[in-house]
Amino acid sequence: MLRRGFEGKTAFVTGASGGIGLAVVKLLLNEGANVIATDLELRELGTLADQNLHRAVLDVRNSRDVNRLIDEAVAMHGAIDFGVNVAGILSTTPIVETSDEDWERVFAVNTTGVFHVSRALARHMMARRSGSIVTVSSNAAGIPRQNMAAYAASKAASTMFTRCLGLELAPYGIRCNIVAPGSTLTPMQTGMWQDASGEERVIEGSLSAFKTGIPLGKLASPEDIANAVIFLLSDKASHITMTDIYVDGGATLRG
């Protein structure tokens, strides 16, 4: 264990059953934290055996369920010290073909879900005048992408929401930051590949799609993103708030 101020404290993680969310849960457990791991389904979490892991089904689109679960978690553990918004869904439809329902579906999870969870956590953290929240956004929030308008716009909205949240909560000693992953080896990424050359194509980029490749020459692993999340939650980042860290191998040519 690296001992970065997590022992005996409690973290609340959404989208915890796979990919980046599962990697965050594993790192938090390794650091000695109690983890409330939530998702629509918990199959992947079933492989973890840790007495500090508490699983809960949660739809972040439902504010009533979010408020109830967080209230119950606070009653059980005494406090929630860390919050991580990972739950997210993808849309790869051209704008003119995007339905009202698809637009609303993406925003309901990627933006409104972040609002529901962060608001509920903030209410409890403000009373204790301490806490740290990290939202996992996307590098697509900071650069135009073809056929990803709904996804990119929803992530941009959740990014700015988290920065505004950080400004409002700073007087209470609560820090709010963003991690913006690039292409990461998760089912969301591989689900967009058409054949075995998918990884190579992502790394190379596409001039016709105005998409740069990845200068580091590799995809991120879920652990690469989770490490950035853990750093921002930890005491090592005690003077960092409202920061948006891009973890994309240089793909967007920005920090």
C-alpha atoms as a PDB file:
ATOM      1  CA  MET A   1       0.000   0.000   0.000  1.00  0.00           C
ATOM      2  CA  LEU A   2       1.156   3.531  -0.764  1.00  0.00           C
ATOM      3  CA  ARG A   3      -0.527   5.136   2.275  1.00  0.00           C
ATOM      4  CA  ARG A   4      -1.933   8.295   0.724  1.00  0.00           C
ATOM      5  CA  GLY A   5      -4.609   9.059   3.297  1.00  0.00           C
ATOM      6  CA  PHE A   6      -7.241   6.462   2.353  1.00  0.00           C
ATOM      7  CA  GLU A   7      -7.039   4.010   5.253  1.00  0.00           C
ATOM      8  CA  GLY A   8     -10.271   3.745   7.185  1.00  0.00           C
ATOM      9  CA  LYS A   9     -12.005   6.308   4.975  1.00  0.00           C
ATOM     10  CA  THR A  10     -14.964   5.719   2.688  1.00  0.00           C
ATOM     11  CA  ALA A  11     -15.249   6.194  -1.068  1.00  0.00           C
ATOM     12  CA  PHE A  12     -18.359   6.193  -3.259  1.00  0.00           C
ATOM     13  CA  VAL A  13     -17.774   5.069  -6.869  1.00  0.00           C
ATOM     14  CA  THR A  14     -20.252   4.952  -9.768  1.00  0.00           C
ATOM     15  CA  GLY A  15     -19.764   2.888 -12.920  1.00  0.00           C
ATOM     16  CA  ALA A  16     -17.757   0.512 -10.758  1.00  0.00           C
ATOM     17  CA  SER A  17     -18.433  -2.809 -12.439  1.00  0.00           C
ATOM     18  CA  GLY A  18     -15.947  -2.616 -15.284  1.00  0.00           C
ATOM     19  CA  GLY A  19     -13.169  -0.769 -17.065  1.00  0.00           C
ATOM     20  CA  ILE A  20     -11.968   2.393 -15.365  1.00  0.00           C
ATOM     21  CA  GLY A  21     -14.494   2.169 -12.537  1.00  0.00           C
ATOM     22  CA  LEU A  22     -13.394  -1.324 -11.550  1.00  0.00           C
ATOM     23  CA  ALA A  23      -9.743  -0.262 -11.675  1.00  0.00           C
ATOM     24  CA  VAL A  24     -10.536   2.661  -9.346  1.00  0.00           C
ATOM     25  CA  VAL A  25     -12.299   0.327  -6.915  1.00  0.00           C
ATOM     26  CA  LYS A  26      -9.334  -2.059  -6.833  1.00  0.00           C
ATOM     27  CA  LEU A  27      -6.831   0.728  -6.181  1.00  0.00           C
ATOM     28  CA  LEU A  28      -8.957   2.233  -3.420  1.00  0.00           C
ATOM     29  CA  LEU A  29      -9.271  -1.159  -1.732  1.00  0.00           C
ATOM     30  CA  ASN A  30      -5.522  -1.637  -2.030  1.00  0.00           C
ATOM     31  CA  GLU A  31      -5.068   1.723  -0.293  1.00  0.00           C
ATOM     32  CA  GLY A  32      -7.180   0.537   2.635  1.00  0.00           C
ATOM     33  CA  ALA A  33     -10.385   2.454   1.907  1.00  0.00           C
ATOM     34  CA  ASN A  34     -13.936   1.289   2.428  1.00  0.00           C
ATOM     35  CA  VAL A  35     -15.538   1.343  -1.019  1.00  0.00           C
ATOM     36  CA  ILE A  36     -19.208   1.632  -1.915  1.00  0.00           C
ATOM     37  CA  ALA A  37     -19.137   0.363  -5.494  1.00  0.00           C
ATOM     38  CA  THR A  38     -22.254   1.088  -7.541  1.00  0.00           C
ATOM     39  CA  ASP A  39     -23.459   0.261 -11.031  1.00  0.00           C
ATOM     40  CA  LEU A  40     -26.542  -0.896 -12.899  1.00  0.00           C
ATOM     41  CA  GLU A  41     -25.272  -4.465 -12.645  1.00  0.00           C
ATOM     42  CA  LEU A  42     -22.568  -5.855 -10.373  1.00  0.00           C
ATOM     43  CA  ARG A  43     -21.354  -8.989 -12.149  1.00  0.00           C
ATOM     44  CA  GLU A  44     -17.676  -7.988 -12.446  1.00  0.00           C
ATOM     45  CA  LEU A  45     -17.589  -6.833  -8.829  1.00  0.00           C
ATOM     46  CA  GLY A  46     -18.584 -10.322  -7.772  1.00  0.00           C
ATOM     47  CA  THR A  47     -15.033 -11.509  -8.457  1.00  0.00           C
ATOM     48  CA  LEU A  48     -13.626  -9.238  -5.741  1.00  0.00           C
ATOM     49  CA  ALA A  49     -13.432 -10.615  -2.214  1.00  0.00           C
ATOM     50  CA  ASP A  50     -12.692  -7.814   0.224  1.00  0.00           C
ATOM     51  CA  GLN A  51     -14.386  -7.050   3.520  1.00  0.00           C
ATOM     52  CA  ASN A  52     -14.104  -3.333   2.769  1.00  0.00           C
ATOM     53  CA  LEU A  53     -16.102  -3.625  -0.460  1.00  0.00           C
ATOM     54  CA  HIS A  54     -19.813  -2.815  -0.378  1.00  0.00           C
ATOM     55  CA  ARG A  55     -21.780  -3.375  -3.591  1.00  0.00           C
ATOM     56  CA  ALA A  56     -24.988  -1.566  -4.506  1.00  0.00           C
ATOM     57  CA  VAL A  57     -27.130  -1.407  -7.641  1.00  0.00           C
ATOM     58  CA  LEU A  58     -27.678   2.237  -8.627  1.00  0.00           C
ATOM     59  CA  ASP A  59     -29.086   4.109 -11.606  1.00  0.00           C
ATOM     60  CA  VAL A  60     -27.470   7.553 -11.425  1.00  0.00           C
ATOM     61  CA  ARG A  61     -30.314   8.961 -13.509  1.00  0.00           C
ATOM     62  CA  ASN A  62     -32.659   8.574 -10.544  1.00  0.00           C
ATOM     63  CA  SER A  63     -31.962  11.342  -8.030  1.00  0.00           C
ATOM     64  CA  ARG A  64     -34.229   9.816  -5.392  1.00  0.00           C
ATOM     65  CA  ASP A  65     -32.287   6.539  -5.451  1.00  0.00           C
ATOM     66  CA  VAL A  66     -28.981   8.416  -5.427  1.00  0.00           C
ATOM     67  CA  ASN A  67     -29.985  10.479  -2.392  1.00  0.00           C
ATOM     68  CA  ARG A  68     -31.310   7.436  -0.546  1.00  0.00           C
ATOM     69  CA  LEU A  69     -28.206   5.316  -1.131  1.00  0.00           C
ATOM     70  CA  ILE A  70     -25.798   8.080  -0.137  1.00  0.00           C
ATOM     71  CA  ASP A  71     -27.831   8.858   2.993  1.00  0.00           C
ATOM     72  CA  GLU A  72     -27.741   5.161   3.903  1.00  0.00           C
ATOM     73  CA  ALA A  73     -23.998   4.982   3.258  1.00  0.00           C
ATOM     74  CA  VAL A  74     -23.342   7.971   5.504  1.00  0.00           C
ATOM     75  CA  ALA A  75     -25.505   6.453   8.239  1.00  0.00           C
ATOM     76  CA  MET A  76     -23.592   3.176   7.994  1.00  0.00           C
ATOM     77  CA  HIS A  77     -20.039   4.498   7.660  1.00  0.00           C
ATOM     78  CA  GLY A  78     -20.313   7.847   9.421  1.00  0.00           C
ATOM     79  CA  ALA A  79     -19.115   9.799   6.389  1.00  0.00           C
ATOM     80  CA  ILE A  80     -18.209   9.589   2.721  1.00  0.00           C
ATOM     81  CA  ASP A  81     -14.758  11.065   2.213  1.00  0.00           C
ATOM     82  CA  PHE A  82     -14.303  10.508  -1.520  1.00  0.00           C
ATOM     83  CA  GLY A  83     -16.592  10.472  -4.535  1.00  0.00           C
ATOM     84  CA  VAL A  84     -15.730   9.232  -8.031  1.00  0.00           C
ATOM     85  CA  ASN A  85     -18.092   9.735 -10.980  1.00  0.00           C
ATOM     86  CA  VAL A  86     -17.254   7.090 -13.563  1.00  0.00           C
ATOM     87  CA  ALA A  87     -20.662   5.983 -14.867  1.00  0.00           C
ATOM     88  CA  GLY A  88     -20.977   6.919 -18.527  1.00  0.00           C
ATOM     89  CA  ILE A  89     -22.357   5.801 -21.859  1.00  0.00           C
ATOM     90  CA  LEU A  90     -21.247   6.348 -25.443  1.00  0.00           C
ATOM     91  CA  SER A  91     -22.993   7.563 -28.583  1.00  0.00           C
ATOM     92  CA  THR A  92     -21.370   7.459 -32.037  1.00  0.00           C
ATOM     93  CA  THR A  93     -24.233   8.748 -34.180  1.00  0.00           C
ATOM     94  CA  PRO A  94     -23.896  11.649 -36.660  1.00  0.00           C
ATOM     95  CA  ILE A  95     -25.647  14.767 -35.408  1.00  0.00           C
ATOM     96  CA  VAL A  96     -28.344  14.794 -38.094  1.00  0.00           C
ATOM     97  CA  GLU A  97     -29.195  11.187 -37.244  1.00  0.00           C
ATOM     98  CA  THR A  98     -29.204  11.677 -33.467  1.00  0.00           C
ATOM     99  CA  SER A  99     -32.703  11.356 -32.060  1.00  0.00           C
ATOM    100  CA  ASP A 100     -34.060  13.427 -29.200  1.00  0.00           C
ATOM    101  CA  GLU A 101     -34.201  10.237 -27.154  1.00  0.00           C
ATOM    102  CA  ASP A 102     -30.561   9.336 -27.789  1.00  0.00           C
ATOM    103  CA  TRP A 103     -29.372  12.859 -26.940  1.00  0.00           C
ATOM    104  CA  GLU A 104     -31.356  12.832 -23.707  1.00  0.00           C
ATOM    105  CA  ARG A 105     -30.198   9.295 -22.849  1.00  0.00           C
ATOM    106  CA  VAL A 106     -26.522  10.254 -23.078  1.00  0.00           C
ATOM    107  CA  PHE A 107     -26.918  13.457 -21.088  1.00  0.00           C
ATOM    108  CA  ALA A 108     -29.039  11.689 -18.463  1.00  0.00           C
ATOM    109  CA  VAL A 109     -26.102   9.480 -17.479  1.00  0.00           C
ATOM    110  CA  ASN A 110     -22.995  11.476 -18.390  1.00  0.00           C
ATOM    111  CA  THR A 111     -24.144  14.866 -17.129  1.00  0.00           C
ATOM    112  CA  THR A 112     -27.290  14.625 -15.012  1.00  0.00           C
ATOM    113  CA  GLY A 113     -25.955  11.521 -13.259  1.00  0.00           C
ATOM    114  CA  VAL A 114     -22.815  13.414 -12.287  1.00  0.00           C
ATOM    115  CA  PHE A 115     -25.007  16.249 -10.997  1.00  0.00           C
ATOM    116  CA  HIS A 116     -27.181  13.894  -8.921  1.00  0.00           C
ATOM    117  CA  VAL A 117     -24.265  12.093  -7.273  1.00  0.00           C
ATOM    118  CA  SER A 118     -22.073  15.158  -6.753  1.00  0.00           C
ATOM    119  CA  ARG A 119     -24.915  17.193  -5.268  1.00  0.00           C
ATOM    120  CA  ALA A 120     -25.788  14.465  -2.779  1.00  0.00           C
ATOM    121  CA  LEU A 121     -22.155  13.964  -1.794  1.00  0.00           C
ATOM    122  CA  ALA A 122     -21.552  17.712  -1.494  1.00  0.00           C
ATOM    123  CA  ARG A 123     -24.399  18.145   0.985  1.00  0.00           C
ATOM    124  CA  HIS A 124     -22.783  15.672   3.363  1.00  0.00           C
ATOM    125  CA  MET A 125     -19.216  16.820   2.776  1.00  0.00           C
ATOM    126  CA  MET A 126     -20.102  20.464   3.418  1.00  0.00           C
ATOM    127  CA  ALA A 127     -21.366  19.566   6.891  1.00  0.00           C
ATOM    128  CA  ARG A 128     -17.954  18.005   7.688  1.00  0.00           C
ATOM    129  CA  ARG A 129     -15.965  20.618   5.766  1.00  0.00           C
ATOM    130  CA  SER A 130     -13.842  18.004   4.048  1.00  0.00           C
ATOM    131  CA  GLY A 131     -13.902  15.693   1.060  1.00  0.00           C
ATOM    132  CA  SER A 132     -12.688  15.141  -2.477  1.00  0.00           C
ATOM    133  CA  ILE A 133     -14.656  14.434  -5.661  1.00  0.00           C
ATOM    134  CA  VAL A 134     -13.281  13.365  -9.046  1.00  0.00           C
ATOM    135  CA  THR A 135     -15.296  13.164 -12.254  1.00  0.00           C
ATOM    136  CA  VAL A 136     -14.009  10.929 -15.032  1.00  0.00           C
ATOM    137  CA  SER A 137     -14.759  12.906 -18.193  1.00  0.00           C
ATOM    138  CA  SER A 138     -13.111  12.460 -21.609  1.00  0.00           C
ATOM    139  CA  ASN A 139     -10.578  14.194 -23.832  1.00  0.00           C
ATOM    140  CA  ALA A 140     -13.508  14.437 -26.266  1.00  0.00           C
ATOM    141  CA  ALA A 141     -14.803  17.193 -23.965  1.00  0.00           C
ATOM    142  CA  GLY A 142     -11.992  19.432 -25.171  1.00  0.00           C
ATOM    143  CA  ILE A 143     -11.702  18.707 -28.883  1.00  0.00           C
ATOM    144  CA  PRO A 144     -14.312  18.204 -31.652  1.00  0.00           C
ATOM    145  CA  ARG A 145     -14.970  14.619 -32.689  1.00  0.00           C
ATOM    146  CA  GLN A 146     -16.913  13.342 -35.679  1.00  0.00           C
ATOM    147  CA  ASN A 147     -20.021  11.314 -34.849  1.00  0.00           C
ATOM    148  CA  MET A 148     -19.573  11.905 -31.106  1.00  0.00           C
ATOM    149  CA  ALA A 149     -21.387  15.208 -30.544  1.00  0.00           C
ATOM    150  CA  ALA A 150     -23.775  13.976 -27.851  1.00  0.00           C
ATOM    151  CA  TYR A 151     -21.019  12.181 -25.957  1.00  0.00           C
ATOM    152  CA  ALA A 152     -18.505  15.026 -26.258  1.00  0.00           C
ATOM    153  CA  ALA A 153     -21.061  17.684 -25.304  1.00  0.00           C
ATOM    154  CA  SER A 154     -22.243  15.687 -22.288  1.00  0.00           C
ATOM    155  CA  LYS A 155     -18.671  15.222 -21.098  1.00  0.00           C
ATOM    156  CA  ALA A 156     -17.877  18.910 -21.616  1.00  0.00           C
ATOM    157  CA  ALA A 157     -20.929  19.768 -19.529  1.00  0.00           C
ATOM    158  CA  SER A 158     -19.936  17.422 -16.704  1.00  0.00           C
ATOM    159  CA  THR A 159     -16.410  18.842 -16.792  1.00  0.00           C
ATOM    160  CA  MET A 160     -17.581  22.435 -16.366  1.00  0.00           C
ATOM    161  CA  PHE A 161     -20.132  21.376 -13.769  1.00  0.00           C
ATOM    162  CA  THR A 162     -17.363  19.767 -11.702  1.00  0.00           C
ATOM    163  CA  ARG A 163     -15.189  22.874 -11.957  1.00  0.00           C
ATOM    164  CA  CYS A 164     -18.109  25.066 -10.827  1.00  0.00           C
ATOM    165  CA  LEU A 165     -18.750  22.619  -8.003  1.00  0.00           C
ATOM    166  CA  GLY A 166     -15.118  22.937  -6.971  1.00  0.00           C
ATOM    167  CA  LEU A 167     -15.413  26.712  -6.838  1.00  0.00           C
ATOM    168  CA  GLU A 168     -18.503  26.582  -4.638  1.00  0.00           C
ATOM    169  CA  LEU A 169     -17.085  23.925  -2.322  1.00  0.00           C
ATOM    170  CA  ALA A 170     -13.573  25.347  -1.956  1.00  0.00           C
ATOM    171  CA  PRO A 171     -14.536  27.440   1.123  1.00  0.00           C
ATOM    172  CA  TYR A 172     -15.481  24.162   2.825  1.00  0.00           C
ATOM    173  CA  GLY A 173     -12.110  22.556   2.118  1.00  0.00           C
ATOM    174  CA  ILE A 174     -13.623  20.217  -0.482  1.00  0.00           C
ATOM    175  CA  ARG A 175     -11.672  19.620  -3.687  1.00  0.00           C
ATOM    176  CA  CYS A 176     -13.291  18.767  -7.041  1.00  0.00           C
ATOM    177  CA  ASN A 177     -11.249  17.691 -10.058  1.00  0.00           C
ATOM    178  CA  ILE A 178     -11.573  16.029 -13.447  1.00  0.00           C
ATOM    179  CA  VAL A 179      -9.647  13.259 -15.187  1.00  0.00           C
ATOM    180  CA  ALA A 180     -10.071  13.251 -18.987  1.00  0.00           C
ATOM    181  CA  PRO A 181      -9.058   9.900 -20.474  1.00  0.00           C
ATOM    182  CA  GLY A 182      -8.254   9.360 -24.095  1.00  0.00           C
ATOM    183  CA  SER A 183      -8.604   6.012 -25.842  1.00  0.00           C
ATOM    184  CA  THR A 184      -8.490   3.396 -23.094  1.00  0.00           C
ATOM    185  CA  LEU A 185      -8.567  -0.382 -23.398  1.00  0.00           C
ATOM    186  CA  THR A 186     -12.116  -0.937 -22.124  1.00  0.00           C
ATOM    187  CA  PRO A 187     -15.249  -2.508 -23.641  1.00  0.00           C
ATOM    188  CA  MET A 188     -16.453   0.995 -24.566  1.00  0.00           C
ATOM    189  CA  GLN A 189     -13.359   1.412 -26.730  1.00  0.00           C
ATOM    190  CA  THR A 190     -13.191  -2.048 -28.263  1.00  0.00           C
ATOM    191  CA  GLY A 191     -16.912  -1.910 -29.032  1.00  0.00           C
ATOM    192  CA  MET A 192     -16.132   0.757 -31.646  1.00  0.00           C
ATOM    193  CA  TRP A 193     -13.587  -1.410 -33.474  1.00  0.00           C
ATOM    194  CA  GLN A 194     -14.642  -3.081 -36.700  1.00  0.00           C
ATOM    195  CA  ASP A 195     -11.820  -5.602 -36.905  1.00  0.00           C
ATOM    196  CA  ALA A 196      -8.537  -6.742 -35.350  1.00  0.00           C
ATOM    197  CA  SER A 197      -6.760  -3.607 -36.596  1.00  0.00           C
ATOM    198  CA  GLY A 198      -8.859  -1.358 -34.357  1.00  0.00           C
ATOM    199  CA  GLU A 199      -6.118  -0.672 -31.841  1.00  0.00           C
ATOM    200  CA  GLU A 200      -3.557   0.114 -34.548  1.00  0.00           C
ATOM    201  CA  ARG A 201      -5.979   2.506 -36.266  1.00  0.00           C
ATOM    202  CA  VAL A 202      -6.669   4.401 -33.030  1.00  0.00           C
ATOM    203  CA  ILE A 203      -2.965   4.784 -32.306  1.00  0.00           C
ATOM    204  CA  GLU A 204      -2.233   5.961 -35.864  1.00  0.00           C
ATOM    205  CA  GLY A 205      -5.131   8.431 -35.980  1.00  0.00           C
ATOM    206  CA  SER A 206      -7.132   9.444 -39.022  1.00  0.00           C
ATOM    207  CA  LEU A 207      -6.460  12.465 -41.233  1.00  0.00           C
ATOM    208  CA  SER A 208      -9.883  12.142 -42.885  1.00  0.00           C
ATOM    209  CA  ALA A 209     -11.582  12.286 -39.462  1.00  0.00           C
ATOM    210  CA  PHE A 210      -9.317  15.134 -38.287  1.00  0.00           C
ATOM    211  CA  LYS A 211      -8.156  12.925 -35.436  1.00  0.00           C
ATOM    212  CA  THR A 212      -4.563  12.852 -34.308  1.00  0.00           C
ATOM    213  CA  GLY A 213      -3.042   9.595 -33.217  1.00  0.00           C
ATOM    214  CA  ILE A 214      -1.471   8.862 -29.854  1.00  0.00           C
ATOM    215  CA  PRO A 215       2.096  10.204 -29.601  1.00  0.00           C
ATOM    216  CA  LEU A 216       3.043   7.676 -26.897  1.00  0.00           C
ATOM    217  CA  GLY A 217       2.110   4.902 -29.325  1.00  0.00           C
ATOM    218  CA  LYS A 218      -0.208   2.934 -27.051  1.00  0.00           C
ATOM    219  CA  LEU A 219      -3.686   2.889 -25.571  1.00  0.00           C
ATOM    220  CA  ALA A 220      -4.178   3.684 -21.921  1.00  0.00           C
ATOM    221  CA  SER A 221      -4.979   0.880 -19.534  1.00  0.00           C
ATOM    222  CA  PRO A 222      -7.833   1.347 -17.042  1.00  0.00           C
ATOM    223  CA  GLU A 223      -5.154   1.443 -14.342  1.00  0.00           C
ATOM    224  CA  ASP A 224      -3.471   4.422 -16.046  1.00  0.00           C
ATOM    225  CA  ILE A 225      -6.672   6.410 -15.606  1.00  0.00           C
ATOM    226  CA  ALA A 226      -7.373   5.064 -12.131  1.00  0.00           C
ATOM    227  CA  ASN A 227      -3.913   6.129 -10.950  1.00  0.00           C
ATOM    228  CA  ALA A 228      -4.684   9.719 -11.920  1.00  0.00           C
ATOM    229  CA  VAL A 229      -8.021   9.536 -10.095  1.00  0.00           C
ATOM    230  CA  ILE A 230      -6.394   8.199  -6.929  1.00  0.00           C
ATOM    231  CA  PHE A 231      -3.758  10.926  -7.022  1.00  0.00           C
ATOM    232  CA  LEU A 232      -6.372  13.689  -7.256  1.00  0.00           C
ATOM    233  CA  LEU A 233      -8.397  12.164  -4.419  1.00  0.00           C
ATOM    234  CA  SER A 234      -5.361  11.755  -2.203  1.00  0.00           C
ATOM    235  CA  ASP A 235      -3.529  13.969   0.260  1.00  0.00           C
ATOM    236  CA  LYS A 236      -0.755  14.245  -2.355  1.00  0.00           C
ATOM    237  CA  ALA A 237      -3.092  16.596  -4.271  1.00  0.00           C
ATOM    238  CA  SER A 238      -4.199  18.579  -1.232  1.00  0.00           C
ATOM    239  CA  HIS A 239      -3.763  21.954  -2.994  1.00  0.00           C
ATOM    240  CA  ILE A 240      -5.284  20.944  -6.332  1.00  0.00           C
ATOM    241  CA  THR A 241      -8.884  21.716  -7.197  1.00  0.00           C
ATOM    242  CA  MET A 242     -10.888  22.546 -10.342  1.00  0.00           C
ATOM    243  CA  THR A 243      -8.127  20.914 -12.394  1.00  0.00           C
ATOM    244  CA  ASP A 244      -8.748  18.923 -15.581  1.00  0.00           C
ATOM    245  CA  ILE A 245      -5.989  16.358 -16.161  1.00  0.00           C
ATOM    246  CA  TYR A 246      -5.775  14.800 -19.632  1.00  0.00           C
ATOM    247  CA  VAL A 247      -4.536  11.209 -19.563  1.00  0.00           C
ATOM    248  CA  ASP A 248      -4.455  10.422 -23.275  1.00  0.00           C
ATOM    249  CA  GLY A 249      -0.855   9.798 -24.293  1.00  0.00           C
ATOM    250  CA  GLY A 250      -0.729  13.261 -25.872  1.00  0.00           C
ATOM    251  CA  ALA A 251      -3.574  12.533 -28.309  1.00  0.00           C
ATOM    252  CA  THR A 252      -5.177  15.960 -28.005  1.00  0.00           C
ATOM    253  CA  LEU A 253      -1.826  17.767 -27.942  1.00  0.00           C
ATOM    254  CA  ARG A 254      -2.814  19.549 -24.726  1.00  0.00           C
ATOM    255  CA  GLY A 255      -2.408  19.128 -20.984  1.00  0.00           C
END
